[in-house]
Amino acid sequence: MEKLHNDDIQSAYDYIHFLNQKRRPVAAKKENNPVGELEQNSEQPVGSFTWEEVAREISNKLSKPSYDTWFNRTSGEKISPTTYMIRSETEFQKEWLESRYIKMLTEVIGKLNGSPLDLQFTIGKTIPKNGVV
């Protein structure tokens, strides 16, 4: 077995430090901020975000009736490093989201991810907040 040298240990330490630096801030809405600016929190790695974060950002951009009509019964998840899947309950809702909200969804998801993602839309049971379908 080969003995580790200080240079090897330092290289491993530097690599771990590099990986930790790639973590990005989590988007968390300030309670007392009426314009919806985001606080910085370094708990979540780059590219890791929830549908609830997406929904919160979108709800800040839409009227309550529009949000309730088009986004209340939707869910989403990252299905690959480059693709995000958005689930709706009906074909009509899916087509409406694709045609009317694609730009907003692309911007919000890209911002939360740290880089743009391809969006795919599908119909199916949405994933409720408690995770039980």
N, C-alpha and C. Protein backbone atom coordinates (compact mmCIF):
# COMPACT_ATOMS: atom_id res chain seq x y z
N MET A 1 0.83 -1.18 0.00
CA MET A 1 0.00 0.00 0.00
C MET A 1 0.88 1.25 0.00
N GLU A 2 0.53 2.18 -0.87
CA GLU A 2 1.33 3.39 -1.01
C GLU A 2 1.02 4.36 0.12
N LYS A 3 2.05 4.97 0.65
CA LYS A 3 1.90 5.91 1.76
C LYS A 3 1.50 7.28 1.21
N LEU A 4 0.54 7.93 1.86
CA LEU A 4 0.11 9.26 1.44
C LEU A 4 1.12 10.30 1.89
N HIS A 5 1.36 11.27 1.04
CA HIS A 5 2.26 12.37 1.35
C HIS A 5 1.42 13.60 1.67
N ASN A 6 2.04 14.58 2.27
CA ASN A 6 1.34 15.82 2.61
C ASN A 6 0.72 16.48 1.38
N ASP A 7 1.40 16.37 0.22
CA ASP A 7 0.87 16.96 -1.01
C ASP A 7 -0.44 16.28 -1.41
N ASP A 8 -0.54 14.96 -1.23
CA ASP A 8 -1.77 14.24 -1.54
C ASP A 8 -2.91 14.67 -0.63
N ILE A 9 -2.61 14.80 0.64
CA ILE A 9 -3.62 15.22 1.61
C ILE A 9 -4.08 16.64 1.31
N GLN A 10 -3.13 17.52 0.99
CA GLN A 10 -3.48 18.91 0.66
C GLN A 10 -4.35 18.95 -0.60
N SER A 11 -4.03 18.14 -1.60
CA SER A 11 -4.82 18.10 -2.83
C SER A 11 -6.25 17.65 -2.55
N ALA A 12 -6.41 16.64 -1.70
CA ALA A 12 -7.74 16.16 -1.34
C ALA A 12 -8.51 17.26 -0.59
N TYR A 13 -7.84 17.93 0.32
CA TYR A 13 -8.47 19.03 1.06
C TYR A 13 -8.90 20.14 0.11
N ASP A 14 -8.02 20.52 -0.82
CA ASP A 14 -8.33 21.58 -1.79
C ASP A 14 -9.54 21.20 -2.64
N TYR A 15 -9.62 19.92 -3.05
CA TYR A 15 -10.73 19.46 -3.87
C TYR A 15 -12.05 19.54 -3.10
N ILE A 16 -12.03 19.10 -1.85
CA ILE A 16 -13.24 19.17 -1.02
C ILE A 16 -13.65 20.62 -0.81
N HIS A 17 -12.68 21.48 -0.56
CA HIS A 17 -12.97 22.91 -0.40
C HIS A 17 -13.58 23.48 -1.69
N PHE A 18 -13.05 23.09 -2.84
CA PHE A 18 -13.58 23.54 -4.13
C PHE A 18 -15.04 23.11 -4.28
N LEU A 19 -15.35 21.86 -3.97
CA LEU A 19 -16.73 21.37 -4.08
C LEU A 19 -17.66 22.14 -3.16
N ASN A 20 -17.23 22.44 -1.96
CA ASN A 20 -18.07 23.19 -1.03
C ASN A 20 -18.31 24.62 -1.51
N GLN A 21 -17.38 25.20 -2.23
CA GLN A 21 -17.54 26.55 -2.74
C GLN A 21 -18.57 26.62 -3.87
N LYS A 22 -18.86 25.48 -4.51
CA LYS A 22 -19.82 25.46 -5.62
C LYS A 22 -21.26 25.46 -5.13
N ARG A 23 -21.47 25.42 -3.82
CA ARG A 23 -22.84 25.46 -3.29
C ARG A 23 -23.40 26.83 -3.55
N ARG A 24 -24.70 26.89 -3.86
CA ARG A 24 -25.31 28.18 -4.14
C ARG A 24 -26.32 28.54 -3.06
N PRO A 25 -26.66 29.80 -2.98
CA PRO A 25 -27.64 30.24 -2.00
C PRO A 25 -29.03 29.68 -2.30
N VAL A 26 -29.79 29.46 -1.25
CA VAL A 26 -31.19 29.06 -1.37
C VAL A 26 -32.02 30.33 -1.47
N ALA A 27 -33.06 30.30 -2.28
CA ALA A 27 -33.96 31.44 -2.39
C ALA A 27 -34.96 31.38 -1.24
N ALA A 28 -34.92 32.38 -0.38
CA ALA A 28 -35.87 32.45 0.72
C ALA A 28 -36.43 33.86 0.78
N LYS A 29 -37.73 34.00 0.73
CA LYS A 29 -38.33 35.32 0.71
C LYS A 29 -38.21 35.98 2.08
N LYS A 30 -37.78 37.22 2.08
CA LYS A 30 -37.72 37.98 3.32
C LYS A 30 -39.15 38.31 3.74
N GLU A 31 -39.45 38.11 5.01
CA GLU A 31 -40.81 38.35 5.50
C GLU A 31 -41.20 39.81 5.42
N ASN A 32 -40.29 40.71 5.68
CA ASN A 32 -40.62 42.13 5.71
C ASN A 32 -40.29 42.83 4.40
N ASN A 33 -40.09 42.09 3.33
CA ASN A 33 -39.71 42.69 2.06
C ASN A 33 -40.89 42.64 1.09
N PRO A 34 -41.54 43.76 0.83
CA PRO A 34 -42.73 43.75 -0.02
C PRO A 34 -42.45 43.48 -1.49
N VAL A 35 -41.23 43.64 -1.97
CA VAL A 35 -40.96 43.41 -3.39
C VAL A 35 -40.45 42.02 -3.68
N GLY A 36 -40.34 41.18 -2.67
CA GLY A 36 -39.99 39.79 -2.90
C GLY A 36 -38.52 39.53 -3.19
N GLU A 37 -37.61 40.43 -2.72
CA GLU A 37 -36.19 40.15 -2.92
C GLU A 37 -35.80 38.92 -2.13
N LEU A 38 -34.71 38.30 -2.52
CA LEU A 38 -34.32 37.03 -1.92
C LEU A 38 -33.17 37.20 -0.94
N GLU A 39 -33.23 36.44 0.14
CA GLU A 39 -32.12 36.38 1.08
C GLU A 39 -31.14 35.32 0.62
N GLN A 40 -29.92 35.41 1.06
CA GLN A 40 -28.91 34.42 0.73
C GLN A 40 -28.80 33.40 1.87
N ASN A 41 -28.78 32.14 1.51
CA ASN A 41 -28.62 31.06 2.48
C ASN A 41 -27.87 29.96 1.77
N SER A 42 -26.77 29.48 2.33
CA SER A 42 -25.92 28.54 1.62
C SER A 42 -26.17 27.09 2.02
N GLU A 43 -27.42 26.70 2.23
CA GLU A 43 -27.74 25.34 2.64
C GLU A 43 -27.88 24.38 1.46
N GLN A 44 -28.18 24.85 0.28
CA GLN A 44 -28.54 23.99 -0.83
C GLN A 44 -27.49 24.03 -1.92
N PRO A 45 -27.12 22.88 -2.51
CA PRO A 45 -26.14 22.88 -3.59
C PRO A 45 -26.71 23.46 -4.88
N VAL A 46 -25.82 23.85 -5.78
CA VAL A 46 -26.23 24.39 -7.08
C VAL A 46 -27.13 23.38 -7.77
N GLY A 47 -28.23 23.90 -8.37
CA GLY A 47 -29.12 23.05 -9.13
C GLY A 47 -30.11 22.28 -8.29
N SER A 48 -30.15 22.52 -6.99
CA SER A 48 -31.07 21.81 -6.11
C SER A 48 -32.12 22.80 -5.62
N PHE A 49 -33.37 22.56 -6.01
CA PHE A 49 -34.47 23.42 -5.59
C PHE A 49 -35.75 22.61 -5.65
N THR A 50 -36.79 23.11 -5.01
CA THR A 50 -38.05 22.39 -4.95
C THR A 50 -39.10 23.08 -5.82
N TRP A 51 -40.15 22.35 -6.11
CA TRP A 51 -41.28 22.94 -6.84
C TRP A 51 -41.91 24.04 -6.00
N GLU A 52 -41.90 23.91 -4.69
CA GLU A 52 -42.46 24.94 -3.83
C GLU A 52 -41.73 26.27 -4.03
N GLU A 53 -40.41 26.22 -4.23
CA GLU A 53 -39.66 27.45 -4.50
C GLU A 53 -40.07 28.05 -5.84
N VAL A 54 -40.25 27.19 -6.85
CA VAL A 54 -40.70 27.66 -8.16
C VAL A 54 -42.07 28.30 -8.01
N ALA A 55 -42.99 27.59 -7.35
CA ALA A 55 -44.36 28.08 -7.18
C ALA A 55 -44.39 29.41 -6.43
N ARG A 56 -43.55 29.55 -5.40
CA ARG A 56 -43.50 30.80 -4.63
C ARG A 56 -43.07 31.97 -5.52
N GLU A 57 -42.04 31.75 -6.34
CA GLU A 57 -41.57 32.81 -7.25
C GLU A 57 -42.67 33.18 -8.25
N ILE A 58 -43.35 32.18 -8.79
CA ILE A 58 -44.41 32.43 -9.77
C ILE A 58 -45.59 33.15 -9.11
N SER A 59 -45.95 32.74 -7.90
CA SER A 59 -47.08 33.38 -7.22
C SER A 59 -46.80 34.86 -6.95
N ASN A 60 -45.53 35.22 -6.80
CA ASN A 60 -45.16 36.63 -6.63
C ASN A 60 -45.32 37.44 -7.91
N LYS A 61 -45.38 36.77 -9.05
CA LYS A 61 -45.45 37.44 -10.34
C LYS A 61 -46.87 37.50 -10.91
N LEU A 62 -47.79 36.69 -10.37
CA LEU A 62 -49.14 36.59 -10.91
C LEU A 62 -50.18 37.06 -9.91
N SER A 63 -51.37 37.38 -10.43
CA SER A 63 -52.49 37.64 -9.53
C SER A 63 -52.90 36.33 -8.88
N LYS A 64 -53.54 36.40 -7.74
CA LYS A 64 -53.98 35.19 -7.04
C LYS A 64 -54.93 34.35 -7.91
N PRO A 65 -55.92 34.96 -8.58
CA PRO A 65 -56.80 34.13 -9.42
C PRO A 65 -56.04 33.42 -10.56
N SER A 66 -55.08 34.09 -11.18
CA SER A 66 -54.31 33.44 -12.25
C SER A 66 -53.47 32.31 -11.70
N TYR A 67 -52.80 32.56 -10.56
CA TYR A 67 -51.99 31.51 -9.97
C TYR A 67 -52.86 30.32 -9.58
N ASP A 68 -53.98 30.57 -8.91
CA ASP A 68 -54.86 29.49 -8.47
C ASP A 68 -55.40 28.69 -9.65
N THR A 69 -55.71 29.36 -10.74
CA THR A 69 -56.25 28.67 -11.91
C THR A 69 -55.22 27.80 -12.61
N TRP A 70 -54.01 28.32 -12.81
CA TRP A 70 -53.05 27.63 -13.68
C TRP A 70 -51.94 26.89 -12.95
N PHE A 71 -51.64 27.26 -11.70
CA PHE A 71 -50.48 26.65 -11.03
C PHE A 71 -50.82 25.92 -9.74
N ASN A 72 -52.00 26.14 -9.18
CA ASN A 72 -52.31 25.56 -7.88
C ASN A 72 -52.23 24.03 -7.88
N ARG A 73 -52.62 23.38 -8.93
CA ARG A 73 -52.62 21.91 -8.99
C ARG A 73 -51.55 21.42 -9.97
N THR A 74 -50.35 21.95 -9.84
CA THR A 74 -49.22 21.51 -10.67
C THR A 74 -48.10 21.03 -9.76
N SER A 75 -47.17 20.32 -10.34
CA SER A 75 -45.96 19.93 -9.61
C SER A 75 -44.82 19.86 -10.61
N GLY A 76 -43.64 19.79 -10.11
CA GLY A 76 -42.49 19.71 -11.00
C GLY A 76 -41.32 19.08 -10.32
N GLU A 77 -40.40 18.58 -11.13
CA GLU A 77 -39.17 18.00 -10.59
C GLU A 77 -38.11 17.95 -11.67
N LYS A 78 -36.88 18.02 -11.24
CA LYS A 78 -35.74 17.91 -12.14
C LYS A 78 -35.56 16.43 -12.46
N ILE A 79 -35.64 16.07 -13.75
CA ILE A 79 -35.56 14.66 -14.11
C ILE A 79 -34.21 14.29 -14.70
N SER A 80 -33.39 15.28 -14.98
CA SER A 80 -32.02 15.05 -15.44
C SER A 80 -31.24 16.33 -15.17
N PRO A 81 -29.93 16.31 -15.35
CA PRO A 81 -29.16 17.54 -15.11
C PRO A 81 -29.56 18.70 -16.01
N THR A 82 -30.24 18.42 -17.12
CA THR A 82 -30.58 19.48 -18.07
C THR A 82 -32.08 19.65 -18.30
N THR A 83 -32.92 18.86 -17.61
CA THR A 83 -34.36 18.87 -17.91
C THR A 83 -35.20 18.94 -16.64
N TYR A 84 -36.24 19.77 -16.70
CA TYR A 84 -37.19 19.90 -15.61
C TYR A 84 -38.58 19.54 -16.14
N MET A 85 -39.28 18.66 -15.44
CA MET A 85 -40.60 18.19 -15.84
C MET A 85 -41.67 18.89 -15.01
N ILE A 86 -42.67 19.45 -15.70
CA ILE A 86 -43.79 20.10 -15.04
C ILE A 86 -45.04 19.29 -15.31
N ARG A 87 -45.74 18.89 -14.23
CA ARG A 87 -46.94 18.07 -14.33
C ARG A 87 -48.18 18.93 -14.14
N SER A 88 -49.16 18.73 -15.00
CA SER A 88 -50.46 19.37 -14.83
C SER A 88 -51.52 18.29 -14.83
N GLU A 89 -52.74 18.66 -14.46
CA GLU A 89 -53.79 17.65 -14.34
C GLU A 89 -54.56 17.41 -15.62
N THR A 90 -54.61 18.38 -16.52
CA THR A 90 -55.39 18.23 -17.75
C THR A 90 -54.58 18.65 -18.97
N GLU A 91 -54.99 18.19 -20.11
CA GLU A 91 -54.36 18.59 -21.37
C GLU A 91 -54.50 20.10 -21.58
N PHE A 92 -55.66 20.64 -21.26
CA PHE A 92 -55.89 22.07 -21.43
C PHE A 92 -54.92 22.88 -20.56
N GLN A 93 -54.78 22.49 -19.31
CA GLN A 93 -53.85 23.18 -18.41
C GLN A 93 -52.42 23.06 -18.93
N LYS A 94 -52.03 21.90 -19.37
CA LYS A 94 -50.69 21.67 -19.92
C LYS A 94 -50.43 22.60 -21.10
N GLU A 95 -51.39 22.64 -22.05
CA GLU A 95 -51.22 23.49 -23.23
C GLU A 95 -51.19 24.97 -22.86
N TRP A 96 -51.98 25.36 -21.87
CA TRP A 96 -52.00 26.76 -21.45
C TRP A 96 -50.66 27.15 -20.83
N LEU A 97 -50.12 26.29 -19.98
CA LEU A 97 -48.82 26.57 -19.36
C LEU A 97 -47.72 26.66 -20.43
N GLU A 98 -47.75 25.73 -21.39
CA GLU A 98 -46.75 25.73 -22.46
C GLU A 98 -46.84 26.98 -23.33
N SER A 99 -48.05 27.41 -23.62
CA SER A 99 -48.21 28.53 -24.55
C SER A 99 -48.14 29.90 -23.87
N ARG A 100 -48.62 30.01 -22.64
CA ARG A 100 -48.72 31.33 -22.00
C ARG A 100 -47.67 31.61 -20.93
N TYR A 101 -47.11 30.56 -20.33
CA TYR A 101 -46.22 30.77 -19.19
C TYR A 101 -44.82 30.18 -19.38
N ILE A 102 -44.50 29.75 -20.58
CA ILE A 102 -43.19 29.12 -20.82
C ILE A 102 -42.04 30.07 -20.51
N LYS A 103 -42.16 31.31 -20.90
CA LYS A 103 -41.07 32.27 -20.67
C LYS A 103 -40.85 32.49 -19.17
N MET A 104 -41.93 32.71 -18.43
CA MET A 104 -41.81 32.92 -16.99
C MET A 104 -41.25 31.68 -16.30
N LEU A 105 -41.75 30.51 -16.66
CA LEU A 105 -41.25 29.27 -16.07
C LEU A 105 -39.77 29.06 -16.37
N THR A 106 -39.38 29.31 -17.60
CA THR A 106 -37.98 29.15 -17.99
C THR A 106 -37.08 30.09 -17.17
N GLU A 107 -37.51 31.34 -17.01
CA GLU A 107 -36.72 32.31 -16.25
C GLU A 107 -36.63 31.94 -14.78
N VAL A 108 -37.75 31.59 -14.16
CA VAL A 108 -37.76 31.28 -12.73
C VAL A 108 -36.95 30.02 -12.45
N ILE A 109 -37.16 28.97 -13.23
CA ILE A 109 -36.46 27.71 -13.00
C ILE A 109 -34.97 27.87 -13.29
N GLY A 110 -34.63 28.61 -14.34
CA GLY A 110 -33.22 28.86 -14.64
C GLY A 110 -32.53 29.64 -13.54
N LYS A 111 -33.23 30.61 -12.97
CA LYS A 111 -32.67 31.41 -11.88
C LYS A 111 -32.43 30.53 -10.64
N LEU A 112 -33.42 29.71 -10.29
CA LEU A 112 -33.27 28.84 -9.12
C LEU A 112 -32.21 27.77 -9.34
N ASN A 113 -32.09 27.29 -10.57
CA ASN A 113 -31.12 26.25 -10.89
C ASN A 113 -29.70 26.79 -11.00
N GLY A 114 -29.59 28.05 -11.35
CA GLY A 114 -28.27 28.63 -11.56
C GLY A 114 -27.85 28.60 -13.02
N SER A 115 -28.64 27.93 -13.86
CA SER A 115 -28.42 27.90 -15.31
C SER A 115 -29.72 27.41 -15.96
N PRO A 116 -29.91 27.70 -17.24
CA PRO A 116 -31.16 27.31 -17.90
C PRO A 116 -31.35 25.80 -17.95
N LEU A 117 -32.61 25.39 -17.92
CA LEU A 117 -32.98 23.99 -18.07
C LEU A 117 -34.01 23.88 -19.18
N ASP A 118 -34.01 22.74 -19.89
CA ASP A 118 -35.07 22.44 -20.84
C ASP A 118 -36.31 22.07 -20.04
N LEU A 119 -37.47 22.58 -20.46
CA LEU A 119 -38.70 22.25 -19.77
C LEU A 119 -39.50 21.24 -20.58
N GLN A 120 -40.07 20.28 -19.89
CA GLN A 120 -41.00 19.33 -20.49
C GLN A 120 -42.29 19.40 -19.70
N PHE A 121 -43.40 19.22 -20.38
CA PHE A 121 -44.71 19.26 -19.75
C PHE A 121 -45.38 17.92 -19.93
N THR A 122 -46.07 17.48 -18.89
CA THR A 122 -46.77 16.20 -18.95
C THR A 122 -48.07 16.30 -18.18
N ILE A 123 -48.93 15.33 -18.40
CA ILE A 123 -50.20 15.25 -17.68
C ILE A 123 -50.10 14.06 -16.73
N GLY A 124 -50.58 14.23 -15.54
CA GLY A 124 -50.56 13.15 -14.57
C GLY A 124 -50.92 13.67 -13.21
N LYS A 125 -50.99 12.76 -12.28
CA LYS A 125 -51.27 13.18 -10.91
C LYS A 125 -50.15 14.06 -10.43
N THR A 126 -50.52 15.18 -9.84
CA THR A 126 -49.50 16.06 -9.30
C THR A 126 -49.04 15.51 -7.95
N ILE A 127 -47.88 15.94 -7.54
CA ILE A 127 -47.31 15.49 -6.27
C ILE A 127 -47.71 16.49 -5.20
N PRO A 128 -48.59 16.09 -4.28
CA PRO A 128 -49.01 17.04 -3.24
C PRO A 128 -47.85 17.40 -2.32
N LYS A 129 -48.02 18.47 -1.57
CA LYS A 129 -46.96 18.96 -0.70
C LYS A 129 -46.53 17.94 0.34
N ASN A 130 -47.44 17.07 0.78
CA ASN A 130 -47.05 16.08 1.78
C ASN A 130 -46.44 14.83 1.15
N GLY A 131 -46.33 14.80 -0.18
CA GLY A 131 -45.66 13.70 -0.88
C GLY A 131 -46.53 12.48 -1.13
N VAL A 132 -47.78 12.48 -0.65
CA VAL A 132 -48.68 11.34 -0.84
C VAL A 132 -49.58 11.59 -2.04
N VAL A 133 -49.61 10.65 -2.97
CA VAL A 133 -50.45 10.79 -4.17
C VAL A 133 -51.75 10.07 -3.96
